[in-house]
PDB file of N, CA and C in Angstrom:
ATOM      1  N   MET A   1       7.617   7.616 -25.285  1.00  0.00           N
ATOM      2  CA  MET A   1       6.561   6.618 -25.135  1.00  0.00           C
ATOM      3  C   MET A   1       6.083   6.552 -23.683  1.00  0.00           C
ATOM      4  N   ASN A   2       6.795   7.193 -22.766  1.00  0.00           N
ATOM      5  CA  ASN A   2       6.367   7.176 -21.364  1.00  0.00           C
ATOM      6  C   ASN A   2       4.983   7.782 -21.166  1.00  0.00           C
ATOM      7  N   ASP A   3       4.662   8.833 -21.942  1.00  0.00           N
ATOM      8  CA  ASP A   3       3.324   9.437 -21.830  1.00  0.00           C
ATOM      9  C   ASP A   3       2.246   8.444 -22.234  1.00  0.00           C
ATOM     10  N   GLU A   4       2.518   7.661 -23.284  1.00  0.00           N
ATOM     11  CA  GLU A   4       1.553   6.672 -23.740  1.00  0.00           C
ATOM     12  C   GLU A   4       1.363   5.567 -22.697  1.00  0.00           C
ATOM     13  N   ILE A   5       2.459   5.133 -22.100  1.00  0.00           N
ATOM     14  CA  ILE A   5       2.368   4.111 -21.051  1.00  0.00           C
ATOM     15  C   ILE A   5       1.576   4.652 -19.869  1.00  0.00           C
ATOM     16  N   ASP A   6       1.866   5.887 -19.455  1.00  0.00           N
ATOM     17  CA  ASP A   6       1.123   6.493 -18.343  1.00  0.00           C
ATOM     18  C   ASP A   6      -0.361   6.593 -18.659  1.00  0.00           C
ATOM     19  N   TYR A   7      -0.682   6.945 -19.898  1.00  0.00           N
ATOM     20  CA  TYR A   7      -2.086   7.042 -20.303  1.00  0.00           C
ATOM     21  C   TYR A   7      -2.788   5.683 -20.180  1.00  0.00           C
ATOM     22  N   ILE A   8      -2.127   4.648 -20.648  1.00  0.00           N
ATOM     23  CA  ILE A   8      -2.715   3.302 -20.545  1.00  0.00           C
ATOM     24  C   ILE A   8      -2.930   2.931 -19.083  1.00  0.00           C
ATOM     25  N   LEU A   9      -1.944   3.198 -18.249  1.00  0.00           N
ATOM     26  CA  LEU A   9      -2.054   2.847 -16.834  1.00  0.00           C
ATOM     27  C   LEU A   9      -3.168   3.637 -16.141  1.00  0.00           C
ATOM     28  N   GLU A  10      -3.416   4.866 -16.585  1.00  0.00           N
ATOM     29  CA  GLU A  10      -4.473   5.686 -15.994  1.00  0.00           C
ATOM     30  C   GLU A  10      -5.863   5.269 -16.462  1.00  0.00           C
ATOM     31  N   THR A  11      -5.975   4.761 -17.673  1.00  0.00           N
ATOM     32  CA  THR A  11      -7.296   4.470 -18.228  1.00  0.00           C
ATOM     33  C   THR A  11      -7.689   2.993 -18.175  1.00  0.00           C
ATOM     34  N   PHE A  12      -6.721   2.114 -17.987  1.00  0.00           N
ATOM     35  CA  PHE A  12      -7.011   0.678 -17.927  1.00  0.00           C
ATOM     36  C   PHE A  12      -7.761   0.382 -16.625  1.00  0.00           C
ATOM     37  N   ASN A  13      -8.738  -0.503 -16.677  1.00  0.00           N
ATOM     38  CA  ASN A  13      -9.558  -0.819 -15.516  1.00  0.00           C
ATOM     39  C   ASN A  13      -8.934  -1.960 -14.700  1.00  0.00           C
ATOM     40  N   PHE A  14      -7.943  -1.622 -13.904  1.00  0.00           N
ATOM     41  CA  PHE A  14      -7.261  -2.621 -13.075  1.00  0.00           C
ATOM     42  C   PHE A  14      -8.191  -3.170 -11.994  1.00  0.00           C
ATOM     43  N   GLU A  15      -9.151  -2.365 -11.556  1.00  0.00           N
ATOM     44  CA  GLU A  15     -10.094  -2.835 -10.546  1.00  0.00           C
ATOM     45  C   GLU A  15     -10.921  -4.002 -11.090  1.00  0.00           C
ATOM     46  N   ARG A  16     -11.325  -3.912 -12.334  1.00  0.00           N
ATOM     47  CA  ARG A  16     -12.110  -4.989 -12.949  1.00  0.00           C
ATOM     48  C   ARG A  16     -11.272  -6.265 -13.063  1.00  0.00           C
ATOM     49  N   VAL A  17     -10.010  -6.107 -13.424  1.00  0.00           N
ATOM     50  CA  VAL A  17      -9.101  -7.251 -13.505  1.00  0.00           C
ATOM     51  C   VAL A  17      -8.962  -7.887 -12.122  1.00  0.00           C
ATOM     52  N   HIS A  18      -8.797  -7.064 -11.110  1.00  0.00           N
ATOM     53  CA  HIS A  18      -8.631  -7.562  -9.742  1.00  0.00           C
ATOM     54  C   HIS A  18      -9.864  -8.341  -9.292  1.00  0.00           C
ATOM     55  N   VAL A  19     -11.056  -7.823  -9.584  1.00  0.00           N
ATOM     56  CA  VAL A  19     -12.296  -8.525  -9.229  1.00  0.00           C
ATOM     57  C   VAL A  19     -12.361  -9.880  -9.932  1.00  0.00           C
ATOM     58  N   ALA A  20     -12.014  -9.912 -11.213  1.00  0.00           N
ATOM     59  CA  ALA A  20     -12.025 -11.176 -11.959  1.00  0.00           C
ATOM     60  C   ALA A  20     -11.045 -12.170 -11.363  1.00  0.00           C
ATOM     61  N   MET A  21      -9.863 -11.682 -11.014  1.00  0.00           N
ATOM     62  CA  MET A  21      -8.854 -12.580 -10.441  1.00  0.00           C
ATOM     63  C   MET A  21      -9.297 -13.112  -9.082  1.00  0.00           C
ATOM     64  N   LEU A  22      -9.942 -12.267  -8.281  1.00  0.00           N
ATOM     65  CA  LEU A  22     -10.471 -12.733  -6.995  1.00  0.00           C
ATOM     66  C   LEU A  22     -11.544 -13.801  -7.211  1.00  0.00           C
ATOM     67  N   ALA A  23     -12.445 -13.548  -8.161  1.00  0.00           N
ATOM     68  CA  ALA A  23     -13.525 -14.500  -8.432  1.00  0.00           C
ATOM     69  C   ALA A  23     -12.985 -15.836  -8.918  1.00  0.00           C
ATOM     70  N   LEU A  24     -11.913 -15.791  -9.705  1.00  0.00           N
ATOM     71  CA  LEU A  24     -11.322 -17.018 -10.247  1.00  0.00           C
ATOM     72  C   LEU A  24     -10.243 -17.612  -9.342  1.00  0.00           C
ATOM     73  N   ASP A  25      -9.948 -16.919  -8.244  1.00  0.00           N
ATOM     74  CA  ASP A  25      -8.854 -17.319  -7.347  1.00  0.00           C
ATOM     75  C   ASP A  25      -7.555 -17.487  -8.139  1.00  0.00           C
ATOM     76  N   TRP A  26      -7.310 -16.526  -9.027  1.00  0.00           N
ATOM     77  CA  TRP A  26      -6.150 -16.527  -9.935  1.00  0.00           C
ATOM     78  C   TRP A  26      -4.968 -15.936  -9.185  1.00  0.00           C
ATOM     79  N   LYS A  27      -4.035 -16.760  -8.808  1.00  0.00           N
ATOM     80  CA  LYS A  27      -2.918 -16.340  -7.962  1.00  0.00           C
ATOM     81  C   LYS A  27      -1.623 -16.246  -8.760  1.00  0.00           C
ATOM     82  N   TRP A  28      -0.806 -15.306  -8.356  1.00  0.00           N
ATOM     83  CA  TRP A  28       0.561 -15.185  -8.856  1.00  0.00           C
ATOM     84  C   TRP A  28       1.501 -15.527  -7.714  1.00  0.00           C
ATOM     85  N   SER A  29       2.658 -16.033  -8.064  1.00  0.00           N
ATOM     86  CA  SER A  29       3.661 -16.281  -7.032  1.00  0.00           C
ATOM     87  C   SER A  29       4.636 -15.112  -7.001  1.00  0.00           C
ATOM     88  N   LYS A  30       5.314 -14.979  -5.882  1.00  0.00           N
ATOM     89  CA  LYS A  30       6.331 -13.931  -5.746  1.00  0.00           C
ATOM     90  C   LYS A  30       7.713 -14.570  -5.721  1.00  0.00           C
ATOM     91  N   GLN A  31       7.971 -15.458  -6.621  1.00  0.00           N
ATOM     92  CA  GLN A  31       9.268 -16.116  -6.780  1.00  0.00           C
ATOM     93  C   GLN A  31       9.818 -16.629  -5.448  1.00  0.00           C
ATOM     94  N   ASN A  32       9.002 -17.447  -4.783  1.00  0.00           N
ATOM     95  CA  ASN A  32       9.378 -18.124  -3.532  1.00  0.00           C
ATOM     96  C   ASN A  32       9.555 -17.191  -2.350  1.00  0.00           C
ATOM     97  N   ILE A  33       9.194 -15.912  -2.478  1.00  0.00           N
ATOM     98  CA  ILE A  33       9.301 -14.997  -1.343  1.00  0.00           C
ATOM     99  C   ILE A  33       8.117 -15.202  -0.403  1.00  0.00           C
ATOM    100  N   GLN A  34       6.927 -15.317  -0.979  1.00  0.00           N
ATOM    101  CA  GLN A  34       5.707 -15.530  -0.209  1.00  0.00           C
ATOM    102  C   GLN A  34       4.877 -16.573  -0.930  1.00  0.00           C
ATOM    103  N   PRO A  35       3.913 -17.136  -0.230  1.00  0.00           N
ATOM    104  CA  PRO A  35       3.002 -18.048  -0.938  1.00  0.00           C
ATOM    105  C   PRO A  35       2.267 -17.293  -2.050  1.00  0.00           C
ATOM    106  N   SER A  36       1.830 -18.019  -3.044  1.00  0.00           N
ATOM    107  CA  SER A  36       1.114 -17.374  -4.145  1.00  0.00           C
ATOM    108  C   SER A  36      -0.180 -16.758  -3.617  1.00  0.00           C
ATOM    109  N   ALA A  37      -0.569 -15.640  -4.253  1.00  0.00           N
ATOM    110  CA  ALA A  37      -1.767 -14.923  -3.844  1.00  0.00           C
ATOM    111  C   ALA A  37      -2.302 -14.133  -5.023  1.00  0.00           C
ATOM    112  N   VAL A  38      -3.569 -13.761  -4.949  1.00  0.00           N
ATOM    113  CA  VAL A  38      -4.132 -12.863  -5.953  1.00  0.00           C
ATOM    114  C   VAL A  38      -3.379 -11.539  -5.799  1.00  0.00           C
ATOM    115  N   PRO A  39      -2.835 -11.004  -6.895  1.00  0.00           N
ATOM    116  CA  PRO A  39      -2.037  -9.778  -6.782  1.00  0.00           C
ATOM    117  C   PRO A  39      -2.887  -8.564  -6.409  1.00  0.00           C
ATOM    118  N   THR A  40      -2.260  -7.621  -5.755  1.00  0.00           N
ATOM    119  CA  THR A  40      -2.918  -6.357  -5.441  1.00  0.00           C
ATOM    120  C   THR A  40      -3.037  -5.523  -6.717  1.00  0.00           C
ATOM    121  N   ILE A  41      -3.871  -4.505  -6.661  1.00  0.00           N
ATOM    122  CA  ILE A  41      -4.011  -3.609  -7.815  1.00  0.00           C
ATOM    123  C   ILE A  41      -2.673  -2.927  -8.102  1.00  0.00           C
ATOM    124  N   GLU A  42      -1.948  -2.567  -7.071  1.00  0.00           N
ATOM    125  CA  GLU A  42      -0.631  -1.936  -7.271  1.00  0.00           C
ATOM    126  C   GLU A  42       0.329  -2.883  -7.995  1.00  0.00           C
ATOM    127  N   ARG A  43       0.315  -4.142  -7.614  1.00  0.00           N
ATOM    128  CA  ARG A  43       1.183  -5.117  -8.286  1.00  0.00           C
ATOM    129  C   ARG A  43       0.743  -5.320  -9.736  1.00  0.00           C
ATOM    130  N   LEU A  44      -0.565  -5.311  -9.987  1.00  0.00           N
ATOM    131  CA  LEU A  44      -1.054  -5.414 -11.363  1.00  0.00           C
ATOM    132  C   LEU A  44      -0.529  -4.249 -12.196  1.00  0.00           C
ATOM    133  N   LYS A  45      -0.584  -3.051 -11.643  1.00  0.00           N
ATOM    134  CA  LYS A  45      -0.113  -1.858 -12.361  1.00  0.00           C
ATOM    135  C   LYS A  45       1.384  -1.921 -12.629  1.00  0.00           C
ATOM    136  N   LEU A  46       2.151  -2.330 -11.642  1.00  0.00           N
ATOM    137  CA  LEU A  46       3.605  -2.435 -11.825  1.00  0.00           C
ATOM    138  C   LEU A  46       3.956  -3.468 -12.897  1.00  0.00           C
ATOM    139  N   THR A  47       3.258  -4.585 -12.886  1.00  0.00           N
ATOM    140  CA  THR A  47       3.491  -5.624 -13.889  1.00  0.00           C
ATOM    141  C   THR A  47       3.124  -5.121 -15.280  1.00  0.00           C
ATOM    142  N   ALA A  48       1.988  -4.456 -15.388  1.00  0.00           N
ATOM    143  CA  ALA A  48       1.557  -3.918 -16.680  1.00  0.00           C
ATOM    144  C   ALA A  48       2.562  -2.902 -17.203  1.00  0.00           C
ATOM    145  N   LYS A  49       3.043  -2.020 -16.346  1.00  0.00           N
ATOM    146  CA  LYS A  49       4.029  -1.011 -16.758  1.00  0.00           C
ATOM    147  C   LYS A  49       5.308  -1.684 -17.255  1.00  0.00           C
ATOM    148  N   HIS A  50       5.741  -2.696 -16.549  1.00  0.00           N
ATOM    149  CA  HIS A  50       6.941  -3.437 -16.947  1.00  0.00           C
ATOM    150  C   HIS A  50       6.750  -4.096 -18.317  1.00  0.00           C
ATOM    151  N   LEU A  51       5.618  -4.747 -18.514  1.00  0.00           N
ATOM    152  CA  LEU A  51       5.350  -5.416 -19.787  1.00  0.00           C
ATOM    153  C   LEU A  51       5.238  -4.419 -20.936  1.00  0.00           C
ATOM    154  N   LEU A  52       4.591  -3.287 -20.704  1.00  0.00           N
ATOM    155  CA  LEU A  52       4.471  -2.260 -21.744  1.00  0.00           C
ATOM    156  C   LEU A  52       5.835  -1.705 -22.126  1.00  0.00           C
ATOM    157  N   SER A  53       6.696  -1.514 -21.139  1.00  0.00           N
ATOM    158  CA  SER A  53       8.057  -1.020 -21.411  1.00  0.00           C
ATOM    159  C   SER A  53       8.837  -2.010 -22.263  1.00  0.00           C
ATOM    160  N   ILE A  54       8.746  -3.280 -21.930  1.00  0.00           N
ATOM    161  CA  ILE A  54       9.437  -4.310 -22.709  1.00  0.00           C
ATOM    162  C   ILE A  54       8.874  -4.358 -24.130  1.00  0.00           C
ATOM    163  N   ALA A  55       7.551  -4.338 -24.247  1.00  0.00           N
ATOM    164  CA  ALA A  55       6.925  -4.393 -25.571  1.00  0.00           C
ATOM    165  C   ALA A  55       7.422  -3.249 -26.449  1.00  0.00           C
ATOM    166  N   TYR A  56       7.516  -2.056 -25.881  1.00  0.00           N
ATOM    167  CA  TYR A  56       7.978  -0.899 -26.660  1.00  0.00           C
ATOM    168  C   TYR A  56       9.463  -1.023 -27.016  1.00  0.00           C
ATOM    169  N   GLU A  57      10.271  -1.337 -26.036  1.00  0.00           N
ATOM    170  CA  GLU A  57      11.724  -1.413 -26.258  1.00  0.00           C
ATOM    171  C   GLU A  57      12.093  -2.495 -27.265  1.00  0.00           C
ATOM    172  N   GLU A  58      11.391  -3.612 -27.226  1.00  0.00           N
ATOM    173  CA  GLU A  58      11.720  -4.734 -28.103  1.00  0.00           C
ATOM    174  C   GLU A  58      10.812  -4.818 -29.332  1.00  0.00           C
ATOM    175  N   GLU A  59       9.865  -3.872 -29.434  1.00  0.00           N
ATOM    176  CA  GLU A  59       8.932  -3.821 -30.565  1.00  0.00           C
ATOM    177  C   GLU A  59       8.277  -5.181 -30.811  1.00  0.00           C
ATOM    178  N   THR A  60       7.613  -5.679 -29.770  1.00  0.00           N
ATOM    179  CA  THR A  60       7.018  -7.009 -29.824  1.00  0.00           C
ATOM    180  C   THR A  60       5.791  -7.074 -28.916  1.00  0.00           C
ATOM    181  N   SER A  61       5.234  -8.247 -28.763  1.00  0.00           N
ATOM    182  CA  SER A  61       4.162  -8.510 -27.807  1.00  0.00           C
ATOM    183  C   SER A  61       4.737  -9.307 -26.649  1.00  0.00           C
ATOM    184  N   VAL A  62       4.253  -9.010 -25.440  1.00  0.00           N
ATOM    185  CA  VAL A  62       4.737  -9.675 -24.238  1.00  0.00           C
ATOM    186  C   VAL A  62       3.528 -10.089 -23.414  1.00  0.00           C
ATOM    187  N   THR A  63       3.543 -11.309 -22.899  1.00  0.00           N
ATOM    188  CA  THR A  63       2.447 -11.776 -22.060  1.00  0.00           C
ATOM    189  C   THR A  63       2.978 -12.285 -20.730  1.00  0.00           C
ATOM    190  N   SER A  64       2.169 -12.090 -19.690  1.00  0.00           N
ATOM    191  CA  SER A  64       2.499 -12.641 -18.385  1.00  0.00           C
ATOM    192  C   SER A  64       1.296 -12.455 -17.463  1.00  0.00           C
ATOM    193  N   GLY A  65       0.944 -13.493 -16.739  1.00  0.00           N
ATOM    194  CA  GLY A  65      -0.089 -13.415 -15.717  1.00  0.00           C
ATOM    195  C   GLY A  65      -1.464 -13.024 -16.208  1.00  0.00           C
ATOM    196  N   GLY A  66      -1.732 -13.202 -17.500  1.00  0.00           N
ATOM    197  CA  GLY A  66      -3.008 -12.820 -18.065  1.00  0.00           C
ATOM    198  C   GLY A  66      -2.928 -11.541 -18.892  1.00  0.00           C
ATOM    199  N   PHE A  67      -1.878 -10.746 -18.685  1.00  0.00           N
ATOM    200  CA  PHE A  67      -1.707  -9.512 -19.446  1.00  0.00           C
ATOM    201  C   PHE A  67      -1.088  -9.777 -20.810  1.00  0.00           C
ATOM    202  N   LEU A  68      -1.502  -8.977 -21.773  1.00  0.00           N
ATOM    203  CA  LEU A  68      -0.885  -8.944 -23.099  1.00  0.00           C
ATOM    204  C   LEU A  68      -0.568  -7.490 -23.398  1.00  0.00           C
ATOM    205  N   ALA A  69       0.722  -7.166 -23.448  1.00  0.00           N
ATOM    206  CA  ALA A  69       1.181  -5.836 -23.846  1.00  0.00           C
ATOM    207  C   ALA A  69       1.679  -5.964 -25.273  1.00  0.00           C
ATOM    208  N   LYS A  70       1.155  -5.115 -26.151  1.00  0.00           N
ATOM    209  CA  LYS A  70       1.447  -5.266 -27.567  1.00  0.00           C
ATOM    210  C   LYS A  70       1.949  -3.966 -28.175  1.00  0.00           C
ATOM    211  N   TYR A  71       3.024  -4.088 -28.943  1.00  0.00           N
ATOM    212  CA  TYR A  71       3.585  -2.976 -29.705  1.00  0.00           C
ATOM    213  C   TYR A  71       2.966  -2.979 -31.096  1.00  0.00           C
ATOM    214  N   HIS A  72       2.506  -1.819 -31.531  1.00  0.00           N
ATOM    215  CA  HIS A  72       1.949  -1.659 -32.874  1.00  0.00           C
ATOM    216  C   HIS A  72       2.887  -0.722 -33.640  1.00  0.00           C
ATOM    217  N   PRO A  73       3.538  -1.215 -34.692  1.00  0.00           N
ATOM    218  CA  PRO A  73       4.523  -0.396 -35.410  1.00  0.00           C
ATOM    219  C   PRO A  73       3.873   0.807 -36.091  1.00  0.00           C
ATOM    220  N   PRO A  74       4.689   1.794 -36.443  1.00  0.00           N
ATOM    221  CA  PRO A  74       4.141   2.960 -37.140  1.00  0.00           C
ATOM    222  C   PRO A  74       3.582   2.566 -38.500  1.00  0.00           C
ATOM    223  N   ILE A  75       2.593   3.313 -38.924  1.00  0.00           N
ATOM    224  CA  ILE A  75       1.978   3.085 -40.231  1.00  0.00           C
ATOM    225  C   ILE A  75       2.289   4.293 -41.101  1.00  0.00           C
ATOM    226  N   LYS A  76       2.897   4.031 -42.243  1.00  0.00           N
ATOM    227  CA  LYS A  76       3.190   5.104 -43.189  1.00  0.00           C
ATOM    228  C   LYS A  76       2.646   4.681 -44.537  1.00  0.00           C
ATOM    229  N   ASP A  77       1.727   5.468 -45.053  1.00  0.00           N
ATOM    230  CA  ASP A  77       1.109   5.161 -46.334  1.00  0.00           C
ATOM    231  C   ASP A  77       0.895   6.468 -47.082  1.00  0.00           C
ATOM    232  N   SER A  78       1.765   6.736 -48.036  1.00  0.00           N
ATOM    233  CA  SER A  78       1.690   8.004 -48.764  1.00  0.00           C
ATOM    234  C   SER A  78       0.432   8.092 -49.621  1.00  0.00           C
ATOM    235  N   ASP A  79      -0.120   6.965 -50.051  1.00  0.00           N
ATOM    236  CA  ASP A  79      -1.342   6.996 -50.853  1.00  0.00           C
ATOM    237  C   ASP A  79      -2.527   7.522 -50.047  1.00  0.00           C
ATOM    238  N   LEU A  80      -2.570   7.164 -48.785  1.00  0.00           N
ATOM    239  CA  LEU A  80      -3.675   7.600 -47.931  1.00  0.00           C
ATOM    240  C   LEU A  80      -3.310   8.824 -47.094  1.00  0.00           C
ATOM    241  N   LEU A  81      -2.098   9.343 -47.301  1.00  0.00           N
ATOM    242  CA  LEU A  81      -1.584  10.454 -46.507  1.00  0.00           C
ATOM    243  C   LEU A  81      -1.665  10.137 -45.016  1.00  0.00           C
ATOM    244  N   LEU A  82      -1.332   8.919 -44.709  1.00  0.00           N
ATOM    245  CA  LEU A  82      -1.413   8.432 -43.343  1.00  0.00           C
ATOM    246  C   LEU A  82      -0.013   8.316 -42.771  1.00  0.00           C
ATOM    247  N   ASP A  83       0.184   8.884 -41.634  1.00  0.00           N
ATOM    248  CA  ASP A  83       1.472   8.794 -40.951  1.00  0.00           C
ATOM    249  C   ASP A  83       1.184   8.657 -39.464  1.00  0.00           C
ATOM    250  N   GLN A  84       1.161   7.429 -39.001  1.00  0.00           N
ATOM    251  CA  GLN A  84       0.799   7.154 -37.618  1.00  0.00           C
ATOM    252  C   GLN A  84       2.021   6.660 -36.865  1.00  0.00           C
ATOM    253  N   LYS A  85       2.264   7.221 -35.696  1.00  0.00           N
ATOM    254  CA  LYS A  85       3.411   6.804 -34.884  1.00  0.00           C
ATOM    255  C   LYS A  85       3.136   5.450 -34.238  1.00  0.00           C
ATOM    256  N   PRO A  86       4.162   4.816 -33.691  1.00  0.00           N
ATOM    257  CA  PRO A  86       3.945   3.529 -33.020  1.00  0.00           C
ATOM    258  C   PRO A  86       3.023   3.712 -31.819  1.00  0.00           C
ATOM    259  N   SER A  87       2.345   2.632 -31.456  1.00  0.00           N
ATOM    260  CA  SER A  87       1.452   2.691 -30.297  1.00  0.00           C
ATOM    261  C   SER A  87       1.547   1.391 -29.507  1.00  0.00           C
ATOM    262  N   LEU A  88       0.951   1.409 -28.335  1.00  0.00           N
ATOM    263  CA  LEU A  88       0.929   0.255 -27.449  1.00  0.00           C
ATOM    264  C   LEU A  88      -0.512  -0.058 -27.070  1.00  0.00           C
ATOM    265  N   SER A  89      -0.764  -1.312 -26.734  1.00  0.00           N
ATOM    266  CA  SER A  89      -2.064  -1.684 -26.185  1.00  0.00           C
ATOM    267  C   SER A  89      -1.855  -2.671 -25.043  1.00  0.00           C
ATOM    268  N   LEU A  90      -2.817  -2.692 -24.130  1.00  0.00           N
ATOM    269  CA  LEU A  90      -2.763  -3.596 -22.989  1.00  0.00           C
ATOM    270  C   LEU A  90      -4.101  -4.305 -22.874  1.00  0.00           C
ATOM    271  N   SER A  91      -4.056  -5.621 -22.738  1.00  0.00           N
ATOM    272  CA  SER A  91      -5.254  -6.433 -22.557  1.00  0.00           C
ATOM    273  C   SER A  91      -5.030  -7.378 -21.388  1.00  0.00           C
ATOM    274  N   PHE A  92      -6.124  -7.798 -20.778  1.00  0.00           N
ATOM    275  CA  PHE A  92      -6.070  -8.867 -19.794  1.00  0.00           C
ATOM    276  C   PHE A  92      -6.952  -9.970 -20.320  1.00  0.00           C
ATOM    277  N   ILE A  93      -6.368 -11.123 -20.551  1.00  0.00           N
ATOM    278  CA  ILE A  93      -7.063 -12.207 -21.236  1.00  0.00           C
ATOM    279  C   ILE A  93      -7.346 -13.343 -20.269  1.00  0.00           C
ATOM    280  N   ILE A  94      -8.620 -13.678 -20.161  1.00  0.00           N
ATOM    281  CA  ILE A  94      -9.015 -14.798 -19.315  1.00  0.00           C
ATOM    282  C   ILE A  94      -9.134 -16.062 -20.156  1.00  0.00           C
ATOM    283  N   VAL A  95      -9.745 -15.946 -21.319  1.00  0.00           N
ATOM    284  CA  VAL A  95      -9.933 -17.078 -22.213  1.00  0.00           C
ATOM    285  C   VAL A  95      -9.730 -16.589 -23.637  1.00  0.00           C
ATOM    286  N   SER A  96      -9.085 -17.405 -24.450  1.00  0.00           N
ATOM    287  CA  SER A  96      -8.950 -17.041 -25.863  1.00  0.00           C
ATOM    288  C   SER A  96      -8.873 -18.318 -26.697  1.00  0.00           C
ATOM    289  N   ALA A  97      -9.130 -18.151 -27.971  1.00  0.00           N
ATOM    290  CA  ALA A  97      -9.016 -19.234 -28.933  1.00  0.00           C
ATOM    291  C   ALA A  97      -8.786 -18.606 -30.290  1.00  0.00           C
ATOM    292  N   ASN A  98      -8.180 -19.364 -31.179  1.00  0.00           N
ATOM    293  CA  ASN A  98      -8.025 -18.881 -32.556  1.00  0.00           C
ATOM    294  C   ASN A  98      -8.020 -20.069 -33.489  1.00  0.00           C
ATOM    295  N   SER A  99      -8.186 -19.776 -34.749  1.00  0.00           N
ATOM    296  CA  SER A  99      -8.195 -20.851 -35.759  1.00  0.00           C
ATOM    297  C   SER A  99      -6.974 -20.781 -36.642  1.00  0.00           C
ATOM    298  N   GLU A 100      -5.932 -20.149 -36.146  1.00  0.00           N
ATOM    299  CA  GLU A 100      -4.722 -19.954 -36.945  1.00  0.00           C
ATOM    300  C   GLU A 100      -4.167 -21.266 -37.509  1.00  0.00           C
ATOM    301  N   ASP A 101      -4.208 -22.319 -36.746  1.00  0.00           N
ATOM    302  CA  ASP A 101      -3.654 -23.596 -37.188  1.00  0.00           C
ATOM    303  C   ASP A 101      -4.707 -24.564 -37.747  1.00  0.00           C
ATOM    304  N   TYR A 102      -5.934 -24.097 -37.848  1.00  0.00           N
ATOM    305  CA  TYR A 102      -7.010 -24.963 -38.343  1.00  0.00           C
ATOM    306  C   TYR A 102      -6.724 -25.364 -39.789  1.00  0.00           C
ATOM    307  N   ASN A 103      -6.849 -26.625 -40.083  1.00  0.00           N
ATOM    308  CA  ASN A 103      -6.572 -27.175 -41.429  1.00  0.00           C
ATOM    309  C   ASN A 103      -5.129 -26.979 -41.867  1.00  0.00           C
ATOM    310  N   ASP A 104      -4.247 -26.874 -40.898  1.00  0.00           N
ATOM    311  CA  ASP A 104      -2.821 -26.731 -41.207  1.00  0.00           C
ATOM    312  C   ASP A 104      -2.247 -28.120 -41.483  1.00  0.00           C
ATOM    313  N   ASP A 105      -1.876 -28.373 -42.719  1.00  0.00           N
ATOM    314  CA  ASP A 105      -1.381 -29.708 -43.101  1.00  0.00           C
ATOM    315  C   ASP A 105       0.095 -29.823 -42.970  1.00  0.00           C
TER     316      ASP A 105
END
């Protein structure tokens, strides 16, 4: 899965995320080492790689600092002759909403 993680890190637009974070003054802390600051592109990449690794190892979704790293399980369907290996995805979420709990009694 390392090749897939490397591919995501090479194709994901970290520069766009960095610009958005600068515009929003979206700061991360460094666990009391330094004052909070907008992360560098290198720090964004390291965080994304870490989250993708966890998502794959634990076969789950992981979020932190705006990132969503998601594990997608393999799909096997003999009727459609489909055999797809597991995959990963990475998103950076600024705003979201859902209706999952709407009308939940």
